[in-house]
Amino acid sequence: MRLLTHNMLSSNIKGVTNGFPLRIEIEKVVEKPVDFNPEFLRNMFPKIEWKALVNAARSMGYVELPEEVEPSTLYSEDFLRKFHHALLELHLEEGALVCPETGRRFPVSKGIPNMLLHEDEV
């Protein structure tokens, strides 16, 4: 699971008001190369919850992202390459996503998060 996906997921358990961001529990992380596309990154940036991405990347051992980003930074190739690596090349292969409010664990197996809810959670 890419951090791009993680940044879009939240816990939809009945009664949960703060299901984002999901905390990451890591068993296995892999890096998978992806072609660098600066325009894609600039277009995705406004859709990304930056603080959640930075914290998720750090939980996976990647500490190269700055705490805050100015709009002009989106034209720095060095920054875009770091953003690209965190967003698209780091993959949570095995582990879990944890609801920040309830502690409910959603397993990630072979890079696929299982966000299905139990009957009593719908």
C-alpha atoms as a PDB file:
ATOM      1  CA  MET A   1       0.000   0.000   0.000  1.00  0.00           C
ATOM      2  CA  ARG A   2       1.423   3.350  -1.030  1.00  0.00           C
ATOM      3  CA  LEU A   3       1.327   6.350   1.263  1.00  0.00           C
ATOM      4  CA  LEU A   4      -0.836   7.997  -1.399  1.00  0.00           C
ATOM      5  CA  THR A   5      -3.490   5.396  -0.572  1.00  0.00           C
ATOM      6  CA  HIS A   6      -2.937   5.772   3.172  1.00  0.00           C
ATOM      7  CA  ASN A   7      -3.507   9.519   2.871  1.00  0.00           C
ATOM      8  CA  MET A   8      -6.966   8.905   1.381  1.00  0.00           C
ATOM      9  CA  LEU A   9      -8.178   6.254   3.845  1.00  0.00           C
ATOM     10  CA  SER A  10     -10.072   6.774   7.090  1.00  0.00           C
ATOM     11  CA  SER A  11     -11.980   4.635   9.564  1.00  0.00           C
ATOM     12  CA  ASN A  12     -15.703   4.520   8.806  1.00  0.00           C
ATOM     13  CA  ILE A  13     -16.760   2.666  11.938  1.00  0.00           C
ATOM     14  CA  LYS A  14     -20.198   3.719  13.197  1.00  0.00           C
ATOM     15  CA  GLY A  15     -19.878   6.555  15.696  1.00  0.00           C
ATOM     16  CA  VAL A  16     -16.273   7.435  14.839  1.00  0.00           C
ATOM     17  CA  THR A  17     -15.836  11.175  14.374  1.00  0.00           C
ATOM     18  CA  ASN A  18     -12.037  11.256  14.030  1.00  0.00           C
ATOM     19  CA  GLY A  19     -11.019   8.320  11.838  1.00  0.00           C
ATOM     20  CA  PHE A  20      -8.096  10.074  10.107  1.00  0.00           C
ATOM     21  CA  PRO A  21      -5.200   9.612   9.860  1.00  0.00           C
ATOM     22  CA  LEU A  22      -4.890   5.921  10.464  1.00  0.00           C
ATOM     23  CA  ARG A  23      -1.788   4.965  12.451  1.00  0.00           C
ATOM     24  CA  ILE A  24       0.549   2.556  10.665  1.00  0.00           C
ATOM     25  CA  GLU A  25       1.840  -0.627  12.291  1.00  0.00           C
ATOM     26  CA  ILE A  26       4.691  -2.000  10.231  1.00  0.00           C
ATOM     27  CA  GLU A  27       5.720  -5.588   9.710  1.00  0.00           C
ATOM     28  CA  LYS A  28       7.276  -5.182   6.254  1.00  0.00           C
ATOM     29  CA  VAL A  29       8.026  -2.166   4.052  1.00  0.00           C
ATOM     30  CA  VAL A  30       9.307  -2.414   0.494  1.00  0.00           C
ATOM     31  CA  GLU A  31      10.474   0.197  -1.975  1.00  0.00           C
ATOM     32  CA  LYS A  32       9.121  -0.096  -5.522  1.00  0.00           C
ATOM     33  CA  PRO A  33      10.536   2.250  -8.177  1.00  0.00           C
ATOM     34  CA  VAL A  34       8.024   4.433 -10.017  1.00  0.00           C
ATOM     35  CA  ASP A  35       8.712   6.802 -12.927  1.00  0.00           C
ATOM     36  CA  PHE A  36       9.214  10.374 -11.712  1.00  0.00           C
ATOM     37  CA  ASN A  37       6.470  12.747 -12.918  1.00  0.00           C
ATOM     38  CA  PRO A  38       6.784  16.287 -11.465  1.00  0.00           C
ATOM     39  CA  GLU A  39       3.492  17.478 -12.969  1.00  0.00           C
ATOM     40  CA  PHE A  40       1.568  14.621 -11.333  1.00  0.00           C
ATOM     41  CA  LEU A  41       3.127  15.502  -7.983  1.00  0.00           C
ATOM     42  CA  ARG A  42       2.247  19.206  -8.325  1.00  0.00           C
ATOM     43  CA  ASN A  43      -1.346  18.272  -9.181  1.00  0.00           C
ATOM     44  CA  MET A  44      -1.633  15.812  -6.288  1.00  0.00           C
ATOM     45  CA  PHE A  45      -0.093  18.089  -3.672  1.00  0.00           C
ATOM     46  CA  PRO A  46      -3.284  20.100  -2.894  1.00  0.00           C
ATOM     47  CA  LYS A  47      -5.199  16.841  -2.343  1.00  0.00           C
ATOM     48  CA  ILE A  48      -2.680  15.499   0.200  1.00  0.00           C
ATOM     49  CA  GLU A  49      -3.012  16.019   3.933  1.00  0.00           C
ATOM     50  CA  TRP A  50       0.641  17.024   4.389  1.00  0.00           C
ATOM     51  CA  LYS A  51       1.054  16.441   8.130  1.00  0.00           C
ATOM     52  CA  ALA A  52      -0.457  12.957   7.823  1.00  0.00           C
ATOM     53  CA  LEU A  53       1.925  12.125   4.961  1.00  0.00           C
ATOM     54  CA  VAL A  54       4.971  13.359   6.882  1.00  0.00           C
ATOM     55  CA  ASN A  55       4.010  11.349   9.971  1.00  0.00           C
ATOM     56  CA  ALA A  56       3.251   8.224   7.924  1.00  0.00           C
ATOM     57  CA  ALA A  57       6.578   8.484   6.082  1.00  0.00           C
ATOM     58  CA  ARG A  58       8.433   8.907   9.360  1.00  0.00           C
ATOM     59  CA  SER A  59       6.679   5.884  10.845  1.00  0.00           C
ATOM     60  CA  MET A  60       8.087   3.933   7.880  1.00  0.00           C
ATOM     61  CA  GLY A  61      11.598   5.247   8.549  1.00  0.00           C
ATOM     62  CA  TYR A  62      11.664   7.993   5.895  1.00  0.00           C
ATOM     63  CA  VAL A  63      12.555  11.357   7.444  1.00  0.00           C
ATOM     64  CA  GLU A  64      13.381  13.462   4.379  1.00  0.00           C
ATOM     65  CA  LEU A  65      10.077  15.390   4.146  1.00  0.00           C
ATOM     66  CA  PRO A  66       9.912  18.868   5.694  1.00  0.00           C
ATOM     67  CA  GLU A  67       7.290  19.687   8.351  1.00  0.00           C
ATOM     68  CA  GLU A  68       5.795  22.453   6.198  1.00  0.00           C
ATOM     69  CA  VAL A  69       5.872  23.267   2.496  1.00  0.00           C
ATOM     70  CA  GLU A  70       5.667  26.642   0.789  1.00  0.00           C
ATOM     71  CA  PRO A  71       4.023  26.753  -2.683  1.00  0.00           C
ATOM     72  CA  SER A  72       7.356  27.717  -4.283  1.00  0.00           C
ATOM     73  CA  THR A  73       8.846  24.447  -3.002  1.00  0.00           C
ATOM     74  CA  LEU A  74       6.751  22.581  -5.586  1.00  0.00           C
ATOM     75  CA  TYR A  75       9.239  23.760  -8.218  1.00  0.00           C
ATOM     76  CA  SER A  76      12.280  22.309  -6.470  1.00  0.00           C
ATOM     77  CA  GLU A  77      13.300  19.027  -8.088  1.00  0.00           C
ATOM     78  CA  ASP A  78      15.021  17.937  -4.874  1.00  0.00           C
ATOM     79  CA  PHE A  79      11.791  18.391  -2.891  1.00  0.00           C
ATOM     80  CA  LEU A  80       9.663  16.746  -5.604  1.00  0.00           C
ATOM     81  CA  ARG A  81      11.921  13.682  -5.663  1.00  0.00           C
ATOM     82  CA  LYS A  82      11.601  13.293  -1.879  1.00  0.00           C
ATOM     83  CA  PHE A  83       7.816  13.798  -2.103  1.00  0.00           C
ATOM     84  CA  HIS A  84       7.680  11.271  -4.965  1.00  0.00           C
ATOM     85  CA  HIS A  85       9.634   8.680  -2.973  1.00  0.00           C
ATOM     86  CA  ALA A  86       7.417   9.007   0.102  1.00  0.00           C
ATOM     87  CA  LEU A  87       4.118   9.169  -1.771  1.00  0.00           C
ATOM     88  CA  LEU A  88       4.655   6.542  -4.461  1.00  0.00           C
ATOM     89  CA  GLU A  89       7.687   4.338  -3.828  1.00  0.00           C
ATOM     90  CA  LEU A  90       7.340   3.383  -0.146  1.00  0.00           C
ATOM     91  CA  HIS A  91       4.919   0.474   0.222  1.00  0.00           C
ATOM     92  CA  LEU A  92       3.497  -1.026   3.392  1.00  0.00           C
ATOM     93  CA  GLU A  93       3.581  -4.664   2.344  1.00  0.00           C
ATOM     94  CA  GLU A  94       2.552  -6.251   5.668  1.00  0.00           C
ATOM     95  CA  GLY A  95       1.167  -4.650   8.811  1.00  0.00           C
ATOM     96  CA  ALA A  96      -1.965  -2.843   9.905  1.00  0.00           C
ATOM     97  CA  LEU A  97      -3.753   0.486   9.875  1.00  0.00           C
ATOM     98  CA  VAL A  98      -5.173   1.502  13.249  1.00  0.00           C
ATOM     99  CA  CYS A  99      -8.170   3.765  13.856  1.00  0.00           C
ATOM    100  CA  PRO A 100      -7.005   6.728  15.961  1.00  0.00           C
ATOM    101  CA  GLU A 101     -10.275   6.831  17.893  1.00  0.00           C
ATOM    102  CA  THR A 102     -11.192   3.188  18.544  1.00  0.00           C
ATOM    103  CA  GLY A 103      -7.879   1.368  18.120  1.00  0.00           C
ATOM    104  CA  ARG A 104      -9.503  -1.019  15.625  1.00  0.00           C
ATOM    105  CA  ARG A 105      -6.822  -2.672  13.482  1.00  0.00           C
ATOM    106  CA  PHE A 106      -7.298  -3.045   9.733  1.00  0.00           C
ATOM    107  CA  PRO A 107      -4.793  -5.611   8.411  1.00  0.00           C
ATOM    108  CA  VAL A 108      -2.582  -4.954   5.395  1.00  0.00           C
ATOM    109  CA  SER A 109      -1.561  -8.128   3.581  1.00  0.00           C
ATOM    110  CA  LYS A 110       0.491  -8.272   0.378  1.00  0.00           C
ATOM    111  CA  GLY A 111       0.129  -4.489   0.174  1.00  0.00           C
ATOM    112  CA  ILE A 112      -3.683  -4.528   0.283  1.00  0.00           C
ATOM    113  CA  PRO A 113      -5.515  -2.919   3.218  1.00  0.00           C
ATOM    114  CA  ASN A 114      -8.636  -4.760   4.386  1.00  0.00           C
ATOM    115  CA  MET A 115     -11.012  -1.988   5.474  1.00  0.00           C
ATOM    116  CA  LEU A 116     -14.104  -4.204   5.708  1.00  0.00           C
ATOM    117  CA  LEU A 117     -16.152  -3.558   8.822  1.00  0.00           C
ATOM    118  CA  HIS A 118     -17.749  -6.140  11.108  1.00  0.00           C
ATOM    119  CA  GLU A 119     -21.548  -6.161  11.251  1.00  0.00           C
ATOM    120  CA  ASP A 120     -21.651  -4.316  14.566  1.00  0.00           C
ATOM    121  CA  GLU A 121     -19.420  -1.530  13.161  1.00  0.00           C
ATOM    122  CA  VAL A 122     -21.686  -0.537  10.277  1.00  0.00           C
END
